[in-house]
């Protein structure tokens, strides 16, 4: 089960963090990869590593807030591989401020990067999947898309990730007749370039210890199994699912 050989997986935000971890996980399952990010030099380095797994890798420079970049990446992926089976929407960023202090630019940046990009990517690559009546779309949201928090004011991030959660449900219902499933993973606290500075503070470690039942952060690779399951042919009757991978944070 969960063999992805001869499948083509597109992963955004693959130059670092969870996107890079996903790329490594999918390569180990045999998937050919289209890896997208703005920092193409990092993608080229990752390509060399992933090709050692015996898979084909296409790095494409892509700003997920740009419709032109996304459409060009979709065209390139189809030209090279002839199809797309899996899309993992993993790119994201955030300006962290509360509702009373956040300005328009900070709000717009976060919504464009974390929410609107998911729509644009799904539109572009979903139209390729439609041609074969088969596809797996996996949106990486956040447990913060399901709950609020009392430690860090980050209103736009909560809002964008909550939108991705319900976008997933709506897109799942809409695309089901086309053989395309759409599911969502809501990670808890994982180390990435964006989170390390906060997660390593004594204050936040104490907060996580008291709020995460497993009393630790997620480890590298612990998100991959959920994504690989949802991306697999075996998950053919699973769509519209919101799956927290958060050490139990949203269970209490």
C-alpha atoms as a PDB file:
ATOM      1  CA  UNK A   1       0.000   0.000   0.000  1.00  0.00           C
ATOM      2  CA  UNK A   2       0.865   3.685  -0.448  1.00  0.00           C
ATOM      3  CA  UNK A   3       3.237   3.076  -3.357  1.00  0.00           C
ATOM      4  CA  UNK A   4       3.329   6.299  -5.381  1.00  0.00           C
ATOM      5  CA  UNK A   5       5.534   5.096  -8.228  1.00  0.00           C
ATOM      6  CA  UNK A   6       4.505   6.608 -11.585  1.00  0.00           C
ATOM      7  CA  UNK A   7       2.528   9.284  -9.744  1.00  0.00           C
ATOM      8  CA  UNK A   8       3.383  12.957 -10.261  1.00  0.00           C
ATOM      9  CA  UNK A   9       3.239  15.116  -7.141  1.00  0.00           C
ATOM     10  CA  UNK A  10       3.403  18.916  -7.104  1.00  0.00           C
ATOM     11  CA  UNK A  11       4.586  20.438  -3.812  1.00  0.00           C
ATOM     12  CA  UNK A  12       4.663  24.157  -3.056  1.00  0.00           C
ATOM     13  CA  UNK A  13       6.982  25.736  -0.511  1.00  0.00           C
ATOM     14  CA  UNK A  14       9.484  22.954  -1.158  1.00  0.00           C
ATOM     15  CA  UNK A  15      12.620  25.005  -0.554  1.00  0.00           C
ATOM     16  CA  UNK A  16      12.374  24.692   3.238  1.00  0.00           C
ATOM     17  CA  UNK A  17      10.339  23.538   6.222  1.00  0.00           C
ATOM     18  CA  UNK A  18       7.334  21.281   5.865  1.00  0.00           C
ATOM     19  CA  UNK A  19       7.357  21.515   2.065  1.00  0.00           C
ATOM     20  CA  UNK A  20      10.888  20.136   1.906  1.00  0.00           C
ATOM     21  CA  UNK A  21       9.972  17.393   4.367  1.00  0.00           C
ATOM     22  CA  UNK A  22       6.978  16.480   2.203  1.00  0.00           C
ATOM     23  CA  UNK A  23       9.133  16.328  -0.922  1.00  0.00           C
ATOM     24  CA  UNK A  24      11.499  13.898   0.781  1.00  0.00           C
ATOM     25  CA  UNK A  25       8.617  11.772   2.027  1.00  0.00           C
ATOM     26  CA  UNK A  26       6.940  11.552  -1.376  1.00  0.00           C
ATOM     27  CA  UNK A  27      10.226  10.731  -3.108  1.00  0.00           C
ATOM     28  CA  UNK A  28      10.753   7.797  -0.748  1.00  0.00           C
ATOM     29  CA  UNK A  29       7.349   6.470  -1.856  1.00  0.00           C
ATOM     30  CA  UNK A  30       8.455   6.650  -5.496  1.00  0.00           C
ATOM     31  CA  UNK A  31       6.582   9.739  -6.697  1.00  0.00           C
ATOM     32  CA  UNK A  32       8.032  11.937  -9.413  1.00  0.00           C
ATOM     33  CA  UNK A  33       8.068  15.516  -8.194  1.00  0.00           C
ATOM     34  CA  UNK A  34       7.415  19.055  -9.316  1.00  0.00           C
ATOM     35  CA  UNK A  35       8.859  21.218  -6.542  1.00  0.00           C
ATOM     36  CA  UNK A  36       7.878  24.886  -6.399  1.00  0.00           C
ATOM     37  CA  UNK A  37       9.268  27.838  -4.439  1.00  0.00           C
ATOM     38  CA  UNK A  38      10.662  31.311  -4.982  1.00  0.00           C
ATOM     39  CA  UNK A  39      14.224  30.277  -4.065  1.00  0.00           C
ATOM     40  CA  UNK A  40      15.026  28.146  -7.099  1.00  0.00           C
ATOM     41  CA  UNK A  41      18.664  27.627  -6.064  1.00  0.00           C
ATOM     42  CA  UNK A  42      17.455  25.699  -3.026  1.00  0.00           C
ATOM     43  CA  UNK A  43      15.159  23.647  -5.240  1.00  0.00           C
ATOM     44  CA  UNK A  44      18.123  22.713  -7.439  1.00  0.00           C
ATOM     45  CA  UNK A  45      20.014  21.475  -4.379  1.00  0.00           C
ATOM     46  CA  UNK A  46      16.997  19.472  -3.242  1.00  0.00           C
ATOM     47  CA  UNK A  47      16.607  17.990  -6.715  1.00  0.00           C
ATOM     48  CA  UNK A  48      20.049  16.359  -6.471  1.00  0.00           C
ATOM     49  CA  UNK A  49      19.145  14.811  -3.130  1.00  0.00           C
ATOM     50  CA  UNK A  50      15.739  13.541  -4.261  1.00  0.00           C
ATOM     51  CA  UNK A  51      16.968  12.063  -7.528  1.00  0.00           C
ATOM     52  CA  UNK A  52      19.088   9.680  -5.454  1.00  0.00           C
ATOM     53  CA  UNK A  53      15.749   7.996  -4.622  1.00  0.00           C
ATOM     54  CA  UNK A  54      15.399   7.121  -8.319  1.00  0.00           C
ATOM     55  CA  UNK A  55      12.614   9.608  -9.081  1.00  0.00           C
ATOM     56  CA  UNK A  56      12.362  12.437 -11.596  1.00  0.00           C
ATOM     57  CA  UNK A  57      12.346  15.963 -10.174  1.00  0.00           C
ATOM     58  CA  UNK A  58      11.348  19.218 -11.860  1.00  0.00           C
ATOM     59  CA  UNK A  59      12.229  22.390  -9.909  1.00  0.00           C
ATOM     60  CA  UNK A  60      10.184  25.442 -10.906  1.00  0.00           C
ATOM     61  CA  UNK A  61      10.557  28.965  -9.562  1.00  0.00           C
ATOM     62  CA  UNK A  62       7.098  30.041  -8.480  1.00  0.00           C
ATOM     63  CA  UNK A  63       5.641  32.778  -6.303  1.00  0.00           C
ATOM     64  CA  UNK A  64       2.307  31.318  -5.161  1.00  0.00           C
ATOM     65  CA  UNK A  65       0.778  34.780  -4.897  1.00  0.00           C
ATOM     66  CA  UNK A  66       1.314  35.266  -8.659  1.00  0.00           C
ATOM     67  CA  UNK A  67      -1.337  33.911 -11.010  1.00  0.00           C
ATOM     68  CA  UNK A  68       1.150  34.151 -13.887  1.00  0.00           C
ATOM     69  CA  UNK A  69       3.796  32.102 -12.029  1.00  0.00           C
ATOM     70  CA  UNK A  70       1.270  29.457 -11.035  1.00  0.00           C
ATOM     71  CA  UNK A  71      -0.189  29.083 -14.524  1.00  0.00           C
ATOM     72  CA  UNK A  72       3.307  28.879 -16.023  1.00  0.00           C
ATOM     73  CA  UNK A  73       4.304  26.205 -13.486  1.00  0.00           C
ATOM     74  CA  UNK A  74       1.194  24.174 -14.297  1.00  0.00           C
ATOM     75  CA  UNK A  75       1.929  24.405 -18.022  1.00  0.00           C
ATOM     76  CA  UNK A  76       5.551  23.331 -17.466  1.00  0.00           C
ATOM     77  CA  UNK A  77       4.558  20.391 -15.249  1.00  0.00           C
ATOM     78  CA  UNK A  78       2.113  19.110 -17.863  1.00  0.00           C
ATOM     79  CA  UNK A  79       4.621  19.549 -20.670  1.00  0.00           C
ATOM     80  CA  UNK A  80       7.293  17.552 -18.835  1.00  0.00           C
ATOM     81  CA  UNK A  81       5.219  14.827 -17.183  1.00  0.00           C
ATOM     82  CA  UNK A  82       1.984  14.805 -19.196  1.00  0.00           C
ATOM     83  CA  UNK A  83      -0.164  14.736 -16.074  1.00  0.00           C
ATOM     84  CA  UNK A  84      -0.429  15.722 -12.418  1.00  0.00           C
ATOM     85  CA  UNK A  85      -1.808  13.265  -9.849  1.00  0.00           C
ATOM     86  CA  UNK A  86      -1.130  14.987  -6.524  1.00  0.00           C
ATOM     87  CA  UNK A  87      -1.012  18.585  -5.359  1.00  0.00           C
ATOM     88  CA  UNK A  88       0.279  19.514  -1.907  1.00  0.00           C
ATOM     89  CA  UNK A  89      -0.412  23.155  -1.056  1.00  0.00           C
ATOM     90  CA  UNK A  90       2.273  23.729   1.548  1.00  0.00           C
ATOM     91  CA  UNK A  91       3.626  27.239   0.884  1.00  0.00           C
ATOM     92  CA  UNK A  92       2.819  29.821   3.502  1.00  0.00           C
ATOM     93  CA  UNK A  93       3.933  32.809   5.520  1.00  0.00           C
ATOM     94  CA  UNK A  94       2.424  35.190   8.030  1.00  0.00           C
ATOM     95  CA  UNK A  95       2.579  38.635   9.555  1.00  0.00           C
ATOM     96  CA  UNK A  96       1.800  38.090  13.222  1.00  0.00           C
ATOM     97  CA  UNK A  97      -0.249  40.819  14.857  1.00  0.00           C
ATOM     98  CA  UNK A  98      -3.572  41.060  16.641  1.00  0.00           C
ATOM     99  CA  UNK A  99      -6.828  42.377  15.242  1.00  0.00           C
ATOM    100  CA  UNK A 100      -6.429  45.870  16.760  1.00  0.00           C
ATOM    101  CA  UNK A 101      -2.850  46.369  15.579  1.00  0.00           C
ATOM    102  CA  UNK A 102      -2.609  44.712  12.163  1.00  0.00           C
ATOM    103  CA  UNK A 103      -2.465  47.021   9.156  1.00  0.00           C
ATOM    104  CA  UNK A 104      -3.929  46.376   5.711  1.00  0.00           C
ATOM    105  CA  UNK A 105      -0.630  45.383   4.111  1.00  0.00           C
ATOM    106  CA  UNK A 106       0.077  42.762   6.778  1.00  0.00           C
ATOM    107  CA  UNK A 107      -3.435  41.352   6.459  1.00  0.00           C
ATOM    108  CA  UNK A 108      -3.363  41.281   2.660  1.00  0.00           C
ATOM    109  CA  UNK A 109       0.075  39.637   2.569  1.00  0.00           C
ATOM    110  CA  UNK A 110      -0.996  36.798   4.861  1.00  0.00           C
ATOM    111  CA  UNK A 111      -4.325  36.178   3.134  1.00  0.00           C
ATOM    112  CA  UNK A 112      -2.707  36.194  -0.324  1.00  0.00           C
ATOM    113  CA  UNK A 113       0.059  33.793   0.698  1.00  0.00           C
ATOM    114  CA  UNK A 114      -1.863  31.382   2.907  1.00  0.00           C
ATOM    115  CA  UNK A 115      -5.386  31.412   1.466  1.00  0.00           C
ATOM    116  CA  UNK A 116      -5.685  32.842  -2.040  1.00  0.00           C
ATOM    117  CA  UNK A 117      -2.670  30.832  -3.222  1.00  0.00           C
ATOM    118  CA  UNK A 118      -4.483  27.605  -2.338  1.00  0.00           C
ATOM    119  CA  UNK A 119      -7.387  28.610  -4.571  1.00  0.00           C
ATOM    120  CA  UNK A 120      -5.105  29.591  -7.459  1.00  0.00           C
ATOM    121  CA  UNK A 121      -2.986  26.432  -7.224  1.00  0.00           C
ATOM    122  CA  UNK A 122      -6.025  24.170  -6.996  1.00  0.00           C
ATOM    123  CA  UNK A 123      -7.614  25.879  -9.990  1.00  0.00           C
ATOM    124  CA  UNK A 124      -4.517  25.563 -12.165  1.00  0.00           C
ATOM    125  CA  UNK A 125      -3.522  22.002 -11.311  1.00  0.00           C
ATOM    126  CA  UNK A 126      -7.076  20.751 -10.799  1.00  0.00           C
ATOM    127  CA  UNK A 127      -7.762  21.527 -14.444  1.00  0.00           C
ATOM    128  CA  UNK A 128      -4.906  19.179 -15.379  1.00  0.00           C
ATOM    129  CA  UNK A 129      -6.215  16.453 -13.028  1.00  0.00           C
ATOM    130  CA  UNK A 130      -9.682  16.776 -14.533  1.00  0.00           C
ATOM    131  CA  UNK A 131      -8.395  15.511 -17.869  1.00  0.00           C
ATOM    132  CA  UNK A 132      -7.690  12.091 -16.335  1.00  0.00           C
ATOM    133  CA  UNK A 133     -10.610  12.030 -13.871  1.00  0.00           C
ATOM    134  CA  UNK A 134      -8.109  11.529 -11.073  1.00  0.00           C
ATOM    135  CA  UNK A 135      -6.425  13.719  -8.503  1.00  0.00           C
ATOM    136  CA  UNK A 136      -5.428  14.205  -4.897  1.00  0.00           C
ATOM    137  CA  UNK A 137      -5.306  17.723  -3.462  1.00  0.00           C
ATOM    138  CA  UNK A 138      -3.856  18.084   0.030  1.00  0.00           C
ATOM    139  CA  UNK A 139      -3.993  21.474   1.705  1.00  0.00           C
ATOM    140  CA  UNK A 140      -1.645  22.157   4.595  1.00  0.00           C
ATOM    141  CA  UNK A 141      -3.571  24.467   6.928  1.00  0.00           C
ATOM    142  CA  UNK A 142      -2.902  24.630  10.676  1.00  0.00           C
ATOM    143  CA  UNK A 143      -4.533  23.690  13.945  1.00  0.00           C
ATOM    144  CA  UNK A 144      -4.862  27.481  14.249  1.00  0.00           C
ATOM    145  CA  UNK A 145      -7.420  27.210  11.458  1.00  0.00           C
ATOM    146  CA  UNK A 146      -9.613  25.258  13.868  1.00  0.00           C
ATOM    147  CA  UNK A 147      -9.114  27.168  17.119  1.00  0.00           C
ATOM    148  CA  UNK A 148      -7.925  30.513  18.468  1.00  0.00           C
ATOM    149  CA  UNK A 149      -4.951  30.921  20.755  1.00  0.00           C
ATOM    150  CA  UNK A 150      -4.096  33.033  23.776  1.00  0.00           C
ATOM    151  CA  UNK A 151      -0.308  33.108  23.420  1.00  0.00           C
ATOM    152  CA  UNK A 152       0.526  34.827  20.110  1.00  0.00           C
ATOM    153  CA  UNK A 153      -1.796  37.374  18.444  1.00  0.00           C
ATOM    154  CA  UNK A 154      -1.928  36.341  14.775  1.00  0.00           C
ATOM    155  CA  UNK A 155      -5.400  37.159  13.494  1.00  0.00           C
ATOM    156  CA  UNK A 156      -4.688  36.970   9.745  1.00  0.00           C
ATOM    157  CA  UNK A 157      -3.019  33.557  10.102  1.00  0.00           C
ATOM    158  CA  UNK A 158      -6.007  32.165  12.004  1.00  0.00           C
ATOM    159  CA  UNK A 159      -8.345  33.635   9.417  1.00  0.00           C
ATOM    160  CA  UNK A 160      -6.453  32.377   6.377  1.00  0.00           C
ATOM    161  CA  UNK A 161      -6.022  28.862   7.730  1.00  0.00           C
ATOM    162  CA  UNK A 162      -9.672  28.711   8.781  1.00  0.00           C
ATOM    163  CA  UNK A 163     -10.573  29.676   5.225  1.00  0.00           C
ATOM    164  CA  UNK A 164      -8.378  26.874   3.867  1.00  0.00           C
ATOM    165  CA  UNK A 165     -10.227  24.406   6.108  1.00  0.00           C
ATOM    166  CA  UNK A 166     -13.604  25.304   4.643  1.00  0.00           C
ATOM    167  CA  UNK A 167     -12.221  25.779   1.132  1.00  0.00           C
ATOM    168  CA  UNK A 168     -11.204  22.131   1.438  1.00  0.00           C
ATOM    169  CA  UNK A 169     -14.749  21.034   2.237  1.00  0.00           C
ATOM    170  CA  UNK A 170     -16.256  23.102  -0.560  1.00  0.00           C
ATOM    171  CA  UNK A 171     -13.710  21.993  -3.155  1.00  0.00           C
ATOM    172  CA  UNK A 172     -14.087  18.358  -2.061  1.00  0.00           C
ATOM    173  CA  UNK A 173     -17.804  18.475  -2.713  1.00  0.00           C
ATOM    174  CA  UNK A 174     -17.354  20.244  -6.037  1.00  0.00           C
ATOM    175  CA  UNK A 175     -14.556  18.079  -7.431  1.00  0.00           C
ATOM    176  CA  UNK A 176     -15.709  14.654  -6.209  1.00  0.00           C
ATOM    177  CA  UNK A 177     -17.590  13.869  -9.465  1.00  0.00           C
ATOM    178  CA  UNK A 178     -14.328  14.459 -11.348  1.00  0.00           C
ATOM    179  CA  UNK A 179     -12.441  11.815  -9.374  1.00  0.00           C
ATOM    180  CA  UNK A 180     -10.482  14.447  -7.454  1.00  0.00           C
ATOM    181  CA  UNK A 181     -10.314  14.245  -3.667  1.00  0.00           C
ATOM    182  CA  UNK A 182      -9.503  17.304  -1.568  1.00  0.00           C
ATOM    183  CA  UNK A 183      -8.346  16.960   2.016  1.00  0.00           C
ATOM    184  CA  UNK A 184      -6.684  19.129   4.631  1.00  0.00           C
ATOM    185  CA  UNK A 185      -3.954  18.524   7.214  1.00  0.00           C
ATOM    186  CA  UNK A 186      -3.784  20.831  10.238  1.00  0.00           C
ATOM    187  CA  UNK A 187      -0.291  20.631  11.730  1.00  0.00           C
ATOM    188  CA  UNK A 188       0.489  21.622  15.265  1.00  0.00           C
ATOM    189  CA  UNK A 189       3.845  23.019  16.330  1.00  0.00           C
ATOM    190  CA  UNK A 190       6.616  21.946  13.959  1.00  0.00           C
ATOM    191  CA  UNK A 191      10.052  23.488  13.486  1.00  0.00           C
ATOM    192  CA  UNK A 192      10.412  25.525  10.277  1.00  0.00           C
ATOM    193  CA  UNK A 193      12.353  28.640   9.309  1.00  0.00           C
ATOM    194  CA  UNK A 194       9.340  30.707  10.322  1.00  0.00           C
ATOM    195  CA  UNK A 195       8.703  29.087  13.698  1.00  0.00           C
ATOM    196  CA  UNK A 196      12.078  28.169  15.192  1.00  0.00           C
ATOM    197  CA  UNK A 197      12.751  31.520  16.854  1.00  0.00           C
ATOM    198  CA  UNK A 198       9.415  31.374  18.696  1.00  0.00           C
ATOM    199  CA  UNK A 199       9.377  27.655  19.489  1.00  0.00           C
ATOM    200  CA  UNK A 200      12.818  27.788  21.062  1.00  0.00           C
ATOM    201  CA  UNK A 201      11.903  30.434  23.636  1.00  0.00           C
ATOM    202  CA  UNK A 202      11.527  29.298  27.212  1.00  0.00           C
ATOM    203  CA  UNK A 203       8.130  30.986  27.425  1.00  0.00           C
ATOM    204  CA  UNK A 204       6.701  29.142  24.433  1.00  0.00           C
ATOM    205  CA  UNK A 205       8.169  25.796  25.453  1.00  0.00           C
ATOM    206  CA  UNK A 206       6.380  26.162  28.780  1.00  0.00           C
ATOM    207  CA  UNK A 207       3.158  27.052  26.955  1.00  0.00           C
ATOM    208  CA  UNK A 208       3.413  24.025  24.653  1.00  0.00           C
ATOM    209  CA  UNK A 209       4.217  21.736  27.569  1.00  0.00           C
ATOM    210  CA  UNK A 210       0.979  22.758  29.264  1.00  0.00           C
ATOM    211  CA  UNK A 211      -1.241  22.783  26.124  1.00  0.00           C
ATOM    212  CA  UNK A 212       0.022  19.882  23.976  1.00  0.00           C
ATOM    213  CA  UNK A 213      -0.962  16.527  25.540  1.00  0.00           C
ATOM    214  CA  UNK A 214       2.123  14.822  24.064  1.00  0.00           C
ATOM    215  CA  UNK A 215       4.246  17.587  25.665  1.00  0.00           C
ATOM    216  CA  UNK A 216       6.506  18.124  22.678  1.00  0.00           C
ATOM    217  CA  UNK A 217       6.677  19.658  19.209  1.00  0.00           C
ATOM    218  CA  UNK A 218       6.256  17.634  16.038  1.00  0.00           C
ATOM    219  CA  UNK A 219       9.419  16.023  14.686  1.00  0.00           C
ATOM    220  CA  UNK A 220      10.710  16.180  11.129  1.00  0.00           C
ATOM    221  CA  UNK A 221       8.805  13.689   8.970  1.00  0.00           C
ATOM    222  CA  UNK A 222       5.889  13.206  11.364  1.00  0.00           C
ATOM    223  CA  UNK A 223       3.573  14.991   8.942  1.00  0.00           C
ATOM    224  CA  UNK A 224       4.540  12.874   5.955  1.00  0.00           C
ATOM    225  CA  UNK A 225       2.509   9.782   6.805  1.00  0.00           C
ATOM    226  CA  UNK A 226      -0.754  11.737   6.850  1.00  0.00           C
ATOM    227  CA  UNK A 227       0.002  13.366   3.499  1.00  0.00           C
ATOM    228  CA  UNK A 228       1.116  10.120   1.873  1.00  0.00           C
ATOM    229  CA  UNK A 229      -2.056   8.364   3.031  1.00  0.00           C
ATOM    230  CA  UNK A 230      -4.298  11.126   1.664  1.00  0.00           C
ATOM    231  CA  UNK A 231      -2.306  11.206  -1.594  1.00  0.00           C
ATOM    232  CA  UNK A 232      -2.486   7.474  -2.172  1.00  0.00           C
ATOM    233  CA  UNK A 233      -4.784   5.575  -4.548  1.00  0.00           C
ATOM    234  CA  UNK A 234      -5.990   3.645  -1.472  1.00  0.00           C
ATOM    235  CA  UNK A 235      -7.562   6.830  -0.048  1.00  0.00           C
ATOM    236  CA  UNK A 236     -10.050   6.921  -2.925  1.00  0.00           C
ATOM    237  CA  UNK A 237     -13.122   7.279  -0.670  1.00  0.00           C
ATOM    238  CA  UNK A 238     -11.622   9.905   1.643  1.00  0.00           C
ATOM    239  CA  UNK A 239     -12.466  13.494   0.762  1.00  0.00           C
ATOM    240  CA  UNK A 240     -13.311  16.677   2.651  1.00  0.00           C
ATOM    241  CA  UNK A 241     -11.390  15.463   5.704  1.00  0.00           C
ATOM    242  CA  UNK A 242      -9.756  17.875   8.142  1.00  0.00           C
ATOM    243  CA  UNK A 243      -6.952  15.951   9.851  1.00  0.00           C
ATOM    244  CA  UNK A 244      -5.101  17.516  12.802  1.00  0.00           C
ATOM    245  CA  UNK A 245      -1.529  16.310  13.353  1.00  0.00           C
ATOM    246  CA  UNK A 246      -0.905  18.262  16.509  1.00  0.00           C
ATOM    247  CA  UNK A 247       0.045  15.993  19.416  1.00  0.00           C
ATOM    248  CA  UNK A 248      -3.488  16.298  20.749  1.00  0.00           C
ATOM    249  CA  UNK A 249      -3.671  20.109  20.973  1.00  0.00           C
ATOM    250  CA  UNK A 250      -7.161  20.340  19.442  1.00  0.00           C
ATOM    251  CA  UNK A 251      -8.435  17.334  21.400  1.00  0.00           C
ATOM    252  CA  UNK A 252      -8.553  19.217  24.713  1.00  0.00           C
END
